[in-house]
Amino acid sequence: MRQLSRIETVVFLVGGILMAIGAGCCAFLWHGDVFAWVYLLGAVLFVAMQARQRYEGSNPTVKRLRRIMLASGVFFILAGVLMVDTHMHFIARFMTYHNYIAYVYNKWVMFLLAGAILQMYSTHRISNELQKD
């Protein structure tokens, strides 16, 4: 795996911290209108730096796990967009009230959970596969 520079590592860590703070504050309904944007900013920083880490090897298992990791990044960003929408209701303009509540409102939790599970799985498996090489 290509290592990140010092600045990229700091941006990666700051993004992860902002994600944790934003998700925690939104989950406990503390200034969610502000911390939803904090989470989204952190998710974008985290996923962007994670995408910059490239795998230059030829192991197909690690390549597959990297694709899973990038899919979890998409889930993180979708969670951020839906988290912001929970407080701003910009998607509600295009749907009926009942469909919005049923399909969009507070569904960011599912995307966050799916992204976190895929992230943990792929990170653990990639480290094991790289130790084998």
Protein backbone atom coordinates (compact mmCIF):
# COMPACT_ATOMS: atom_id res chain seq x y z
CA MET A 1 0.00 0.00 0.00
CA ARG A 2 1.18 3.48 -0.81
CA GLN A 3 1.81 5.40 2.38
CA LEU A 4 0.28 8.82 2.88
CA SER A 5 2.44 11.89 3.44
CA ARG A 6 2.40 13.65 6.80
CA ILE A 7 -0.12 16.25 5.65
CA GLU A 8 -2.36 13.57 4.14
CA THR A 9 -2.17 11.55 7.34
CA VAL A 10 -3.19 14.59 9.39
CA VAL A 11 -6.11 15.30 7.03
CA PHE A 12 -7.11 11.61 7.26
CA LEU A 13 -7.09 11.69 11.07
CA VAL A 14 -8.90 15.04 11.26
CA GLY A 15 -11.56 13.67 8.90
CA GLY A 16 -12.05 10.62 11.11
CA ILE A 17 -12.30 12.74 14.24
CA LEU A 18 -14.81 15.09 12.60
CA MET A 19 -16.87 12.08 11.51
CA ALA A 20 -16.95 10.69 15.04
CA ILE A 21 -17.85 14.04 16.61
CA GLY A 22 -20.50 14.81 13.99
CA ALA A 23 -22.15 11.38 14.15
CA GLY A 24 -22.14 11.36 17.94
CA CYS A 25 -23.67 14.81 18.26
CA CYS A 26 -26.33 14.06 15.63
CA ALA A 27 -27.19 10.74 17.23
CA PHE A 28 -27.72 12.42 20.60
CA LEU A 29 -29.65 15.32 18.98
CA TRP A 30 -27.21 17.98 20.14
CA HIS A 31 -27.00 20.83 17.58
CA GLY A 32 -27.58 18.42 14.74
CA ASP A 33 -28.00 21.17 12.18
CA VAL A 34 -24.35 22.17 12.67
CA PHE A 35 -22.77 18.80 13.40
CA ALA A 36 -24.37 17.16 10.37
CA TRP A 37 -22.22 19.46 8.25
CA VAL A 38 -19.21 18.67 10.46
CA TYR A 39 -19.77 14.95 9.81
CA LEU A 40 -20.12 15.50 6.06
CA LEU A 41 -16.89 17.52 5.93
CA GLY A 42 -15.09 14.83 7.92
CA ALA A 43 -16.46 12.08 5.67
CA VAL A 44 -15.28 13.86 2.54
CA LEU A 45 -11.79 14.39 4.00
CA PHE A 46 -11.59 10.80 5.28
CA VAL A 47 -12.75 9.19 2.04
CA ALA A 48 -10.59 11.44 -0.13
CA MET A 49 -7.43 10.53 1.78
CA GLN A 50 -8.40 6.88 1.86
CA ALA A 51 -8.85 6.93 -1.91
CA ARG A 52 -5.34 8.36 -2.27
CA GLN A 53 -3.89 5.23 -0.69
CA ARG A 54 -3.21 3.00 -3.66
CA TYR A 55 -2.32 -0.65 -3.78
CA GLU A 56 0.43 -1.25 -6.31
CA GLY A 57 0.66 -5.02 -5.84
CA SER A 58 -0.98 -7.81 -7.79
CA ASN A 59 -2.88 -9.65 -5.04
CA PRO A 60 -6.50 -9.91 -6.26
CA THR A 61 -7.80 -10.29 -2.70
CA VAL A 62 -6.35 -6.94 -1.64
CA LYS A 63 -7.70 -5.30 -4.79
CA ARG A 64 -11.18 -6.64 -3.99
CA LEU A 65 -10.90 -5.46 -0.39
CA ARG A 66 -9.86 -1.98 -1.59
CA ARG A 67 -13.02 -1.83 -3.72
CA ILE A 68 -15.06 -2.81 -0.66
CA MET A 69 -13.29 -0.08 1.31
CA LEU A 70 -14.14 2.51 -1.35
CA ALA A 71 -17.78 1.33 -1.30
CA SER A 72 -17.82 1.94 2.45
CA GLY A 73 -16.55 5.44 1.75
CA VAL A 74 -19.51 6.03 -0.56
CA PHE A 75 -21.79 4.84 2.26
CA PHE A 76 -20.11 7.31 4.64
CA ILE A 77 -20.73 10.20 2.25
CA LEU A 78 -24.33 9.10 1.63
CA ALA A 79 -24.82 8.98 5.38
CA GLY A 80 -23.54 12.55 5.59
CA VAL A 81 -25.86 13.78 2.86
CA LEU A 82 -28.84 12.10 4.52
CA MET A 83 -27.75 13.43 7.91
CA VAL A 84 -27.76 16.97 6.54
CA ASP A 85 -31.13 16.28 4.89
CA THR A 86 -32.59 15.14 8.20
CA HIS A 87 -32.07 18.68 9.47
CA MET A 88 -32.48 20.70 6.25
CA HIS A 89 -35.23 18.67 4.48
CA PHE A 90 -34.05 19.48 0.95
CA ILE A 91 -35.10 16.08 -0.47
CA ALA A 92 -38.57 16.46 1.05
CA ARG A 93 -39.44 19.04 -1.60
CA PHE A 94 -39.40 16.32 -4.25
CA MET A 95 -41.44 13.69 -2.39
CA THR A 96 -44.71 13.37 -0.57
CA TYR A 97 -44.52 13.66 3.19
CA HIS A 98 -45.28 9.99 3.84
CA ASN A 99 -42.73 8.73 1.29
CA TYR A 100 -40.10 11.10 2.68
CA ILE A 101 -40.61 9.84 6.23
CA ALA A 102 -40.69 6.21 5.08
CA TYR A 103 -37.68 6.23 2.77
CA VAL A 104 -35.36 9.14 3.60
CA TYR A 105 -35.83 10.69 7.05
CA ASN A 106 -33.24 9.42 9.58
CA LYS A 107 -32.02 6.68 7.23
CA TRP A 108 -28.47 7.99 7.57
CA VAL A 109 -27.99 5.59 10.46
CA MET A 110 -28.26 2.56 8.16
CA PHE A 111 -25.69 3.90 5.72
CA LEU A 112 -23.34 4.80 8.57
CA LEU A 113 -23.66 1.32 10.07
CA ALA A 114 -23.12 -0.41 6.72
CA GLY A 115 -20.10 1.78 5.98
CA ALA A 116 -18.59 1.16 9.40
CA ILE A 117 -19.01 -2.62 9.15
CA LEU A 118 -17.50 -2.74 5.66
CA GLN A 119 -14.68 -0.45 6.75
CA MET A 120 -13.77 -2.60 9.75
CA TYR A 121 -13.93 -5.81 7.73
CA SER A 122 -11.83 -4.54 4.83
CA THR A 123 -9.26 -2.83 7.06
CA HIS A 124 -8.75 -5.97 9.13
CA ARG A 125 -8.55 -8.25 6.11
CA ILE A 126 -6.19 -5.96 4.17
CA SER A 127 -3.75 -5.83 7.08
CA ASN A 128 -3.82 -9.64 7.33
CA GLU A 129 -3.31 -10.07 3.58
CA LEU A 130 -0.40 -7.60 3.53
CA GLN A 131 1.27 -9.41 6.44
CA LYS A 132 1.14 -12.65 4.44
CA ASP A 133 3.07 -11.06 1.54
